[in-house]
Amino acid sequence: MAVMAAATLNELRSTVAGRVRLRSAGSRSGFTLVAAVLGFFVVTLDAVVVNVALPSIRRDFGSGITGLQWVVDGYTLMFAALLLWAGALSDRIGARRAFVMGLGAFVVASAAGGLAPSLGALIGARFVQGSAAAAMMPSSMALLGQAYSDPVKRARAVAVWAMGGAIASSAGPVLGGLLTLVSWRFIFFINVPVGAIAMLLVARIEPSPRRRVPFDWTGQSTAVLAMGALTYGAIEAGAAGFTAARVVVALSVGVVALAAFLAAEARGAHPMVPLRLFRSRNVSVSMTVGFAFVVGYYGLPFVMSLYLQQLRHLSSFGAGVAFLPMMLIGASLTPFSARFAERLGPRTLIAGGLVAMTGGLVFLAAVASSAPVWALAMLMVLVGLAGPLVMPPVTAVLLNSVPDHQAGTASGVFNTSRQFGGALAVAVFGALLARQGSFMPGLRISLLIAAGVALAAAATSLLLRSPRRRLRAAELDAVAMQGAAA
């Protein structure tokens, strides 16, 4: 009896200990998910919230269009340029450490941006913010992979994570407008308490494993130089003209650096961007569609925020509200995107979304000067509609068209192309606004360029083929939610 009692007691202890371990693991998974969601929220928020604050920043610092372009592009450019490198950094030093380093730098840079005494200091803070955001993105995804071993639970966690970005994208213009009524500096200060909460949660997470991975130093340095020089040349062309010496030099350096990057990736032992990926038609078309989509989706808020506040004399909050229908249509339809793609086919959905974007941009260019603000808000819905119709299905097509071991690399290249598309759009559109005799011609030309790019991408999307493999339902939902953060 004593032996049986002891055995029963030991079994009970084991059961209790097992339940405690499960409960502890579940708590750590919850901490990881909330921290990752908060991180993605502030990263996405700072990509969109600043647009409605640009006129206020201009009034405080007396800046021209060129300075405002750098406030936006300083963030987006560094985000795009360092995103691929940040994935290797996360593997090398561990996802938790990379996330903490990125989050800490992001919070400090946000505080510096809010306290910036000059436009140059603000732009510098935005560069640091973008670099920190690049470190946070892949490491937050890696933390979710570490916390959720079951594929279905992991896919659902990714969907929740992506919802944080979708909420930030939808709420960004209104929140930014509301905060700017007090002071534009609060759009940066809001990151500090959110980041502090995320830091406390990350402290409860177990350290991440590390592994030795090679760095493609040549590829990374030439990529940063190419993106930076091309963006600088496009921005400065607005103020100095395309024949100015500094513009010619910058664009020449950008072209040479791009050629050097392609050569390094073709010959390198461990390329950051394996060029063999682009042998797949689906991969090449997906990259083109992602780049073109963001030209309109990021370029539109930049030019329309300035227009609504400077020419229509709306407050920052009023301008933010004008963008709300566009953002809400994307957030509300995104959860159904995977089902739409299953019923209609991704190619039809993607082409239809890009055609809707084209129509919205053309109509806005035609009637912007005379239509009431509510009508402009409704036309912008067509651009917002392209979000759930384009980004989730094209992301799914991309991931379905590459081997599993290249999915992370393909996703990184895809996101880099999107971010650079946004940076280049702001650079070119800002140059057009600065170079024209008045604001309206530059606005119309910018919107028509975005429409042309979207229409060309719609035609290109018809070349997509049916992927060889399919994602499971939970993975499709996760991909759809990732698209909401576009």
Protein backbone atom coordinates (compact mmCIF):
# COMPACT_ATOMS: atom_id res chain seq x y z
CA MET A 1 0.00 0.00 0.00
CA ALA A 2 2.83 2.36 0.91
CA VAL A 3 4.51 1.66 -2.42
CA MET A 4 1.23 2.26 -4.30
CA ALA A 5 0.64 5.50 -2.39
CA ALA A 6 4.14 6.71 -3.17
CA ALA A 7 3.69 5.88 -6.84
CA THR A 8 0.36 7.69 -6.90
CA LEU A 9 1.91 10.71 -5.19
CA ASN A 10 4.78 10.78 -7.68
CA GLU A 11 2.33 10.54 -10.57
CA LEU A 12 0.29 13.40 -9.11
CA ARG A 13 3.42 15.50 -8.72
CA SER A 14 4.42 14.81 -12.31
CA THR A 15 0.95 15.75 -13.54
CA VAL A 16 0.93 18.99 -11.55
CA ALA A 17 4.47 19.83 -12.70
CA GLY A 18 3.49 19.14 -16.30
CA ARG A 19 0.47 21.39 -16.03
CA VAL A 20 2.59 24.15 -14.48
CA ARG A 21 5.10 23.83 -17.32
CA LEU A 22 2.30 23.99 -19.90
CA ARG A 23 0.76 26.98 -18.18
CA SER A 24 4.18 28.67 -18.03
CA ALA A 25 4.83 27.92 -21.71
CA GLY A 26 1.39 29.28 -22.59
CA SER A 27 2.07 32.47 -20.64
CA ARG A 28 5.41 32.94 -22.40
CA SER A 29 3.70 32.42 -25.76
CA GLY A 30 1.14 35.06 -24.82
CA PHE A 31 3.89 37.50 -23.76
CA THR A 32 5.68 36.86 -27.04
CA LEU A 33 2.57 37.44 -29.13
CA VAL A 34 1.59 40.68 -27.39
CA ALA A 35 5.16 42.02 -27.58
CA ALA A 36 5.40 41.15 -31.28
CA VAL A 37 2.00 42.74 -32.01
CA LEU A 38 2.99 45.96 -30.19
CA GLY A 39 6.26 46.06 -32.09
CA PHE A 40 4.58 45.60 -35.45
CA PHE A 41 1.95 48.17 -34.48
CA VAL A 42 4.45 50.99 -33.88
CA VAL A 43 6.56 50.03 -36.91
CA THR A 44 3.53 50.23 -39.20
CA LEU A 45 2.09 53.27 -37.47
CA ASP A 46 5.22 55.32 -38.04
CA ALA A 47 5.17 54.50 -41.74
CA VAL A 48 1.73 56.12 -42.19
CA VAL A 49 1.05 58.46 -39.26
CA VAL A 50 3.52 61.14 -40.29
CA ASN A 51 1.77 62.07 -43.56
CA VAL A 52 -1.01 64.12 -41.98
CA ALA A 53 1.54 65.91 -39.76
CA LEU A 54 3.68 67.16 -42.66
CA PRO A 55 2.04 70.61 -42.99
CA SER A 56 2.45 71.20 -39.23
CA ILE A 57 6.11 70.16 -39.39
CA ARG A 58 6.55 72.51 -42.35
CA ARG A 59 5.06 75.42 -40.41
CA ASP A 60 7.29 74.82 -37.38
CA PHE A 61 10.54 74.39 -39.27
CA GLY A 62 9.86 76.45 -42.38
CA SER A 63 10.74 73.52 -44.63
CA GLY A 64 10.07 73.06 -48.32
CA ILE A 65 8.81 69.92 -50.03
CA THR A 66 12.33 68.44 -50.09
CA GLY A 67 12.61 68.40 -46.31
CA LEU A 68 9.17 66.84 -45.93
CA GLN A 69 10.13 64.11 -48.41
CA TRP A 70 13.08 63.16 -46.24
CA VAL A 71 10.88 63.02 -43.14
CA VAL A 72 8.88 60.29 -44.88
CA ASP A 73 11.64 58.62 -46.90
CA GLY A 74 14.28 58.65 -44.16
CA TYR A 75 12.19 56.01 -42.41
CA THR A 76 11.07 54.02 -45.44
CA LEU A 77 14.47 54.00 -47.13
CA MET A 78 16.38 52.57 -44.16
CA PHE A 79 13.58 50.10 -43.52
CA ALA A 80 13.87 48.81 -47.09
CA ALA A 81 17.66 48.89 -47.28
CA LEU A 82 18.32 46.95 -44.06
CA LEU A 83 15.40 44.53 -44.00
CA LEU A 84 17.22 41.58 -45.59
CA TRP A 85 20.35 42.11 -43.52
CA ALA A 86 18.23 42.26 -40.37
CA GLY A 87 16.97 38.73 -40.98
CA ALA A 88 20.52 37.38 -40.91
CA LEU A 89 21.25 39.48 -37.81
CA SER A 90 18.24 37.95 -36.04
CA ASP A 91 19.55 34.45 -36.74
CA ARG A 92 23.09 35.33 -35.73
CA ILE A 93 22.50 37.01 -32.35
CA GLY A 94 19.10 35.49 -31.52
CA ALA A 95 15.63 36.80 -32.25
CA ARG A 96 14.96 38.11 -28.74
CA ARG A 97 18.19 40.09 -28.58
CA ALA A 98 17.66 41.51 -32.08
CA PHE A 99 14.09 42.51 -31.19
CA VAL A 100 15.19 44.17 -27.94
CA MET A 101 17.98 46.06 -29.68
CA GLY A 102 15.64 47.22 -32.44
CA LEU A 103 12.84 48.14 -30.05
CA GLY A 104 15.19 50.06 -27.75
CA ALA A 105 16.65 52.03 -30.66
CA PHE A 106 13.15 52.69 -31.99
CA VAL A 107 11.94 54.10 -28.67
CA VAL A 108 15.00 56.32 -28.25
CA ALA A 109 14.73 57.57 -31.85
CA SER A 110 11.02 58.25 -31.35
CA ALA A 111 11.73 60.36 -28.29
CA ALA A 112 14.49 62.17 -30.20
CA GLY A 113 12.07 62.85 -33.06
CA GLY A 114 9.51 64.28 -30.67
CA LEU A 115 12.13 66.55 -29.11
CA ALA A 116 13.84 67.45 -32.39
CA PRO A 117 14.93 71.14 -32.36
CA SER A 118 15.38 71.28 -36.14
CA LEU A 119 14.30 69.55 -39.31
CA GLY A 120 17.74 67.97 -39.69
CA ALA A 121 17.48 66.40 -36.23
CA LEU A 122 14.00 65.07 -37.04
CA ILE A 123 15.21 63.53 -40.31
CA GLY A 124 18.15 61.94 -38.47
CA ALA A 125 15.76 60.44 -35.93
CA ARG A 126 13.64 59.06 -38.77
CA PHE A 127 16.68 57.36 -40.29
CA VAL A 128 17.37 55.65 -36.95
CA GLN A 129 13.70 54.72 -36.58
CA GLY A 130 13.72 53.04 -39.99
CA SER A 131 16.89 51.10 -39.19
CA ALA A 132 15.42 49.94 -35.88
CA ALA A 133 12.15 48.98 -37.57
CA ALA A 134 14.09 46.79 -40.00
CA ALA A 135 15.64 44.94 -37.06
CA MET A 136 12.28 44.45 -35.36
CA MET A 137 10.32 43.01 -38.29
CA PRO A 138 12.11 39.68 -38.96
CA SER A 139 12.95 39.15 -35.29
CA SER A 140 9.31 39.54 -34.24
CA MET A 141 8.32 36.89 -36.79
CA ALA A 142 11.12 34.63 -35.56
CA LEU A 143 9.91 35.03 -31.97
CA LEU A 144 6.47 33.81 -33.00
CA GLY A 145 8.03 30.79 -34.68
CA GLN A 146 9.95 30.10 -31.48
CA ALA A 147 6.86 30.46 -29.27
CA TYR A 148 4.43 28.40 -31.39
CA SER A 149 5.71 25.05 -32.63
CA ASP A 150 2.35 23.87 -33.96
CA PRO A 151 1.91 25.11 -37.57
CA VAL A 152 -1.78 25.91 -37.17
CA LYS A 153 -1.29 27.84 -33.93
CA ARG A 154 1.68 29.60 -35.46
CA ALA A 155 -0.36 30.65 -38.49
CA ARG A 156 -3.09 32.01 -36.22
CA ALA A 157 -0.48 33.89 -34.17
CA VAL A 158 0.90 35.41 -37.36
CA ALA A 159 -2.63 36.48 -38.30
CA VAL A 160 -3.02 38.23 -34.93
CA TRP A 161 0.43 39.78 -35.36
CA ALA A 162 -0.49 41.09 -38.79
CA MET A 163 -3.75 42.46 -37.43
CA GLY A 164 -1.65 44.80 -35.27
CA GLY A 165 -0.20 46.25 -38.45
CA ALA A 166 -3.62 46.41 -40.10
CA ILE A 167 -5.07 48.35 -37.17
CA ALA A 168 -2.09 50.73 -37.20
CA SER A 169 -2.45 51.26 -40.94
CA SER A 170 -6.18 51.96 -40.64
CA ALA A 171 -6.00 54.14 -37.54
CA GLY A 172 -2.77 55.93 -38.46
CA PRO A 173 -4.18 58.91 -40.40
CA VAL A 174 -6.94 59.64 -37.88
CA LEU A 175 -4.73 59.10 -34.85
CA GLY A 176 -1.99 61.20 -36.42
CA GLY A 177 -4.45 63.97 -37.23
CA LEU A 178 -5.88 63.93 -33.72
CA LEU A 179 -2.46 64.04 -32.05
CA THR A 180 -1.27 66.76 -34.40
CA LEU A 181 -4.12 69.01 -33.21
CA VAL A 182 -2.16 69.16 -29.94
CA SER A 183 1.33 68.93 -31.47
CA TRP A 184 2.89 66.87 -34.25
CA ARG A 185 5.54 65.82 -31.71
CA PHE A 186 3.02 63.52 -30.01
CA ILE A 187 2.96 61.20 -33.02
CA PHE A 188 6.48 60.22 -31.96
CA PHE A 189 6.03 60.38 -28.19
CA ILE A 190 3.21 57.82 -28.35
CA ASN A 191 5.78 55.16 -29.26
CA VAL A 192 7.59 55.53 -25.94
CA PRO A 193 4.99 54.01 -23.57
CA VAL A 194 4.02 51.36 -26.14
CA GLY A 195 7.67 50.41 -26.54
CA ALA A 196 8.19 50.32 -22.77
CA ILE A 197 5.30 47.86 -22.36
CA ALA A 198 6.71 45.67 -25.11
CA MET A 199 10.11 45.74 -23.39
CA LEU A 200 8.59 44.50 -20.13
CA LEU A 201 6.90 41.65 -21.96
CA VAL A 202 10.05 40.65 -23.84
CA ALA A 203 11.87 40.35 -20.51
CA ARG A 204 9.57 37.39 -19.71
CA ILE A 205 10.55 35.53 -22.90
CA GLU A 206 13.24 32.88 -22.97
CA PRO A 207 16.48 33.67 -24.86
CA SER A 208 16.43 32.69 -28.52
CA PRO A 209 18.84 30.22 -30.11
CA ARG A 210 21.65 31.57 -32.24
CA ARG A 211 23.25 30.15 -35.32
CA ARG A 212 26.18 31.12 -37.46
CA VAL A 213 25.02 32.67 -40.71
CA PRO A 214 27.19 34.48 -43.27
CA PHE A 215 26.71 38.16 -43.99
CA ASP A 216 26.66 39.36 -47.57
CA TRP A 217 28.59 42.55 -46.87
CA THR A 218 29.11 43.45 -50.52
CA GLY A 219 25.45 42.92 -51.38
CA GLN A 220 24.24 44.88 -48.34
CA SER A 221 26.56 47.86 -48.86
CA THR A 222 25.81 48.15 -52.58
CA ALA A 223 22.05 47.79 -51.94
CA VAL A 224 22.08 50.63 -49.40
CA LEU A 225 24.17 52.79 -51.72
CA ALA A 226 21.94 52.11 -54.73
CA MET A 227 18.65 52.77 -52.90
CA GLY A 228 20.00 55.81 -51.10
CA ALA A 229 21.57 57.41 -54.18
CA LEU A 230 18.53 56.87 -56.39
CA THR A 231 16.17 58.25 -53.73
CA TYR A 232 18.44 61.23 -53.04
CA GLY A 233 18.71 61.99 -56.74
CA ALA A 234 14.95 61.87 -57.22
CA ILE A 235 14.28 64.09 -54.20
CA GLU A 236 16.94 66.67 -55.01
CA ALA A 237 15.79 66.83 -58.64
CA GLY A 238 12.65 68.55 -57.40
CA ALA A 239 14.62 71.40 -55.87
CA ALA A 240 17.61 71.64 -58.23
CA GLY A 241 16.47 70.02 -61.49
CA PHE A 242 17.62 66.83 -63.16
CA THR A 243 20.60 68.57 -64.77
CA ALA A 244 22.09 69.74 -61.46
CA ALA A 245 25.53 68.28 -60.79
CA ARG A 246 24.58 66.68 -57.47
CA VAL A 247 21.52 65.06 -59.02
CA VAL A 248 23.46 63.67 -61.99
CA VAL A 249 26.18 62.34 -59.69
CA ALA A 250 23.65 60.76 -57.30
CA LEU A 251 21.70 59.02 -60.05
CA SER A 252 24.94 57.82 -61.69
CA VAL A 253 26.19 56.42 -58.39
CA GLY A 254 22.84 54.72 -57.90
CA VAL A 255 22.98 53.02 -61.29
CA VAL A 256 26.60 51.89 -60.80
CA ALA A 257 25.82 50.61 -57.29
CA LEU A 258 22.80 48.71 -58.61
CA ALA A 259 24.96 47.05 -61.26
CA ALA A 260 27.53 46.16 -58.61
CA PHE A 261 24.80 44.70 -56.41
CA LEU A 262 23.50 42.48 -59.21
CA ALA A 263 27.05 41.31 -59.99
CA ALA A 264 27.72 40.54 -56.32
CA GLU A 265 24.49 38.58 -55.95
CA ALA A 266 25.19 36.61 -59.14
CA ARG A 267 28.72 35.62 -58.10
CA GLY A 268 28.62 35.59 -54.29
CA ALA A 269 28.85 32.37 -52.30
CA HIS A 270 26.09 33.47 -49.89
CA PRO A 271 24.00 36.08 -51.74
CA MET A 272 21.52 38.15 -49.80
CA VAL A 273 19.16 38.04 -52.80
CA PRO A 274 19.68 34.82 -54.80
CA LEU A 275 19.00 35.86 -58.40
CA ARG A 276 17.80 32.35 -59.22
CA LEU A 277 14.60 33.26 -57.40
CA PHE A 278 13.66 35.47 -60.33
CA ARG A 279 13.79 32.58 -62.77
CA SER A 280 10.28 31.82 -61.56
CA ARG A 281 7.72 33.85 -63.50
CA ASN A 282 5.47 34.04 -60.45
CA VAL A 283 8.25 35.47 -58.29
CA SER A 284 9.18 38.14 -60.84
CA VAL A 285 5.55 39.13 -61.41
CA SER A 286 4.83 39.18 -57.66
CA MET A 287 7.77 41.52 -57.04
CA THR A 288 6.57 43.80 -59.83
CA VAL A 289 3.02 43.87 -58.50
CA GLY A 290 4.17 44.53 -54.92
CA PHE A 291 6.39 47.43 -56.02
CA ALA A 292 3.71 48.97 -58.25
CA PHE A 293 0.93 48.62 -55.68
CA VAL A 294 2.86 50.53 -53.02
CA VAL A 295 3.70 53.34 -55.45
CA GLY A 296 0.03 54.26 -55.40
CA TYR A 297 -0.81 53.16 -51.88
CA TYR A 298 2.04 55.15 -50.25
CA GLY A 299 2.24 57.94 -52.81
CA LEU A 300 -1.44 58.88 -52.55
CA PRO A 301 -1.47 59.77 -48.81
CA PHE A 302 1.70 61.84 -49.23
CA VAL A 303 0.33 64.13 -51.95
CA MET A 304 -3.30 64.16 -50.77
CA SER A 305 -2.39 65.01 -47.16
CA LEU A 306 -0.56 68.11 -48.35
CA TYR A 307 -3.38 68.99 -50.75
CA LEU A 308 -6.22 68.60 -48.25
CA GLN A 309 -4.51 70.76 -45.64
CA GLN A 310 -2.76 73.37 -47.78
CA LEU A 311 -5.30 73.93 -50.56
CA ARG A 312 -8.56 72.72 -48.97
CA HIS A 313 -7.57 74.11 -45.54
CA LEU A 314 -8.64 71.05 -43.58
CA SER A 315 -7.21 70.48 -40.12
CA SER A 316 -4.85 67.58 -39.60
CA PHE A 317 -7.73 65.66 -38.01
CA GLY A 318 -10.05 66.48 -40.91
CA ALA A 319 -7.46 65.21 -43.39
CA GLY A 320 -7.08 62.04 -41.35
CA VAL A 321 -10.84 61.46 -41.37
CA ALA A 322 -10.85 61.87 -45.16
CA PHE A 323 -8.51 58.87 -45.38
CA LEU A 324 -10.58 56.78 -42.97
CA PRO A 325 -12.95 55.16 -45.54
CA MET A 326 -9.97 54.15 -47.69
CA MET A 327 -8.27 52.49 -44.74
CA LEU A 328 -11.40 50.87 -43.29
CA ILE A 329 -12.38 49.15 -46.55
CA GLY A 330 -9.02 47.41 -46.58
CA ALA A 331 -9.20 46.33 -42.95
CA SER A 332 -12.80 45.08 -43.23
CA LEU A 333 -12.32 43.02 -46.40
CA THR A 334 -8.89 41.57 -45.69
CA PRO A 335 -10.16 38.65 -43.54
CA PHE A 336 -12.19 37.47 -46.55
CA SER A 337 -9.40 37.87 -49.08
CA ALA A 338 -8.29 34.23 -49.00
CA ARG A 339 -11.86 33.07 -49.66
CA PHE A 340 -12.22 35.52 -52.56
CA ALA A 341 -9.00 34.18 -54.06
CA GLU A 342 -10.19 30.57 -53.74
CA ARG A 343 -13.45 31.38 -55.51
CA LEU A 344 -12.25 33.78 -58.24
CA GLY A 345 -8.61 32.81 -58.55
CA PRO A 346 -5.68 35.00 -57.43
CA ARG A 347 -4.90 36.31 -60.92
CA THR A 348 -8.41 37.71 -61.41
CA LEU A 349 -8.45 39.21 -57.92
CA ILE A 350 -5.04 40.86 -58.28
CA ALA A 351 -5.76 42.30 -61.73
CA GLY A 352 -9.17 43.55 -60.58
CA GLY A 353 -7.70 45.25 -57.53
CA LEU A 354 -5.05 47.03 -59.58
CA VAL A 355 -7.66 48.16 -62.12
CA ALA A 356 -9.76 49.56 -59.23
CA MET A 357 -6.69 51.41 -57.98
CA THR A 358 -6.04 52.76 -61.48
CA GLY A 359 -9.60 54.04 -61.75
CA GLY A 360 -9.49 55.72 -58.36
CA LEU A 361 -6.20 57.49 -59.12
CA VAL A 362 -7.38 58.68 -62.55
CA PHE A 363 -10.68 60.01 -61.17
CA LEU A 364 -8.86 61.80 -58.34
CA ALA A 365 -6.49 63.43 -60.82
CA ALA A 366 -9.45 64.59 -62.91
CA VAL A 367 -11.68 66.05 -60.18
CA ALA A 368 -9.39 66.86 -57.24
CA SER A 369 -9.58 70.62 -57.66
CA SER A 370 -13.38 70.88 -57.78
CA ALA A 371 -14.95 67.86 -56.06
CA PRO A 372 -16.13 68.12 -52.45
CA VAL A 373 -13.96 66.47 -49.83
CA TRP A 374 -16.48 63.68 -49.20
CA ALA A 375 -16.35 62.77 -52.91
CA LEU A 376 -12.54 62.63 -52.78
CA ALA A 377 -12.79 60.35 -49.75
CA MET A 378 -15.11 58.02 -51.67
CA LEU A 379 -12.76 57.93 -54.68
CA MET A 380 -9.87 57.04 -52.39
CA VAL A 381 -11.90 53.99 -51.36
CA LEU A 382 -11.09 52.51 -54.78
CA VAL A 383 -7.40 52.72 -53.91
CA GLY A 384 -8.05 51.23 -50.49
CA LEU A 385 -10.06 48.43 -52.08
CA ALA A 386 -6.93 47.31 -53.91
CA GLY A 387 -5.32 46.45 -50.56
CA PRO A 388 -7.31 43.28 -49.75
CA LEU A 389 -7.68 42.38 -53.42
CA VAL A 390 -3.99 42.58 -54.29
CA MET A 391 -1.58 42.11 -51.40
CA PRO A 392 -2.85 38.92 -49.66
CA PRO A 393 -3.29 36.89 -52.87
CA VAL A 394 -0.02 38.04 -54.43
CA THR A 395 1.80 37.19 -51.18
CA ALA A 396 0.21 33.74 -51.18
CA VAL A 397 1.17 33.20 -54.83
CA LEU A 398 4.74 34.18 -54.05
CA LEU A 399 5.05 31.84 -51.04
CA ASN A 400 3.41 29.02 -52.97
CA SER A 401 5.87 29.42 -55.84
CA VAL A 402 9.14 28.96 -53.94
CA PRO A 403 10.54 26.01 -51.96
CA ASP A 404 9.96 26.06 -48.22
CA HIS A 405 13.62 26.77 -47.45
CA GLN A 406 13.50 29.93 -49.61
CA ALA A 407 10.20 31.28 -48.30
CA GLY A 408 11.87 33.60 -45.78
CA THR A 409 14.26 35.01 -48.36
CA ALA A 410 11.51 35.49 -50.93
CA SER A 411 9.30 37.22 -48.37
CA GLY A 412 12.19 39.51 -47.37
CA VAL A 413 12.92 40.48 -50.98
CA PHE A 414 9.21 41.08 -51.59
CA ASN A 415 8.88 43.37 -48.58
CA THR A 416 12.06 45.21 -49.54
CA SER A 417 10.71 45.86 -53.03
CA ARG A 418 7.47 47.19 -51.54
CA GLN A 419 9.22 49.52 -49.12
CA PHE A 420 11.53 50.84 -51.81
CA GLY A 421 8.54 51.39 -54.09
CA GLY A 422 7.01 53.59 -51.41
CA ALA A 423 10.25 55.53 -50.86
CA LEU A 424 10.72 56.11 -54.58
CA ALA A 425 7.09 57.20 -55.02
CA VAL A 426 7.43 59.87 -52.32
CA ALA A 427 10.73 61.01 -53.84
CA VAL A 428 9.38 61.33 -57.39
CA PHE A 429 5.98 62.78 -56.44
CA GLY A 430 7.57 65.30 -54.11
CA ALA A 431 9.94 66.36 -56.88
CA LEU A 432 6.98 66.89 -59.19
CA LEU A 433 5.15 68.98 -56.58
CA ALA A 434 8.25 71.11 -56.10
CA ARG A 435 9.05 71.57 -59.81
CA GLN A 436 5.63 72.58 -61.14
CA GLY A 437 4.48 76.18 -61.25
CA SER A 438 1.69 75.42 -58.77
CA PHE A 439 0.63 72.52 -56.58
CA MET A 440 -2.20 71.16 -58.72
CA PRO A 441 -0.22 70.25 -61.87
CA GLY A 442 2.26 68.30 -59.75
CA LEU A 443 -0.59 66.56 -57.93
CA ARG A 444 -2.30 65.53 -61.17
CA ILE A 445 0.89 64.26 -62.80
CA SER A 446 1.80 62.29 -59.66
CA LEU A 447 -1.59 60.60 -59.51
CA LEU A 448 -1.52 59.80 -63.23
CA ILE A 449 1.97 58.29 -62.95
CA ALA A 450 0.76 56.10 -60.07
CA ALA A 451 -2.26 55.12 -62.18
CA GLY A 452 -0.05 54.19 -65.13
CA VAL A 453 2.20 52.07 -62.92
CA ALA A 454 -0.83 50.30 -61.42
CA LEU A 455 -2.33 49.63 -64.85
CA ALA A 456 0.96 48.21 -66.14
CA ALA A 457 1.12 45.95 -63.08
CA ALA A 458 -2.47 44.81 -63.72
CA ALA A 459 -1.47 43.72 -67.21
CA THR A 460 1.66 42.03 -65.85
CA SER A 461 -0.36 40.15 -63.23
CA LEU A 462 -2.16 38.28 -66.02
CA LEU A 463 1.11 36.39 -66.55
CA LEU A 464 0.78 34.69 -63.16
CA ARG A 465 0.50 30.90 -63.20
CA SER A 466 -1.26 28.62 -60.76
CA PRO A 467 1.20 27.75 -57.95
CA ARG A 468 2.37 24.17 -57.65
CA ARG A 469 1.42 23.89 -54.01
CA ARG A 470 -1.26 25.38 -51.81
CA LEU A 471 -1.20 26.81 -48.33
CA ARG A 472 -3.48 25.37 -45.69
CA ALA A 473 -6.54 27.31 -44.55
CA ALA A 474 -4.90 28.67 -41.39
CA GLU A 475 -1.84 29.72 -43.37
CA LEU A 476 -4.04 31.44 -45.95
CA ASP A 477 -5.73 33.43 -43.18
CA ALA A 478 -2.32 34.43 -41.83
CA VAL A 479 -1.17 35.58 -45.26
CA ALA A 480 -4.39 37.55 -45.69
CA MET A 481 -3.81 39.37 -42.42
CA GLN A 482 -0.21 40.12 -43.41
CA GLY A 483 -1.57 41.75 -46.54
CA ALA A 484 -3.70 44.05 -44.40
CA ALA A 485 -0.53 45.67 -43.10
CA ALA A 486 0.57 46.66 -46.60
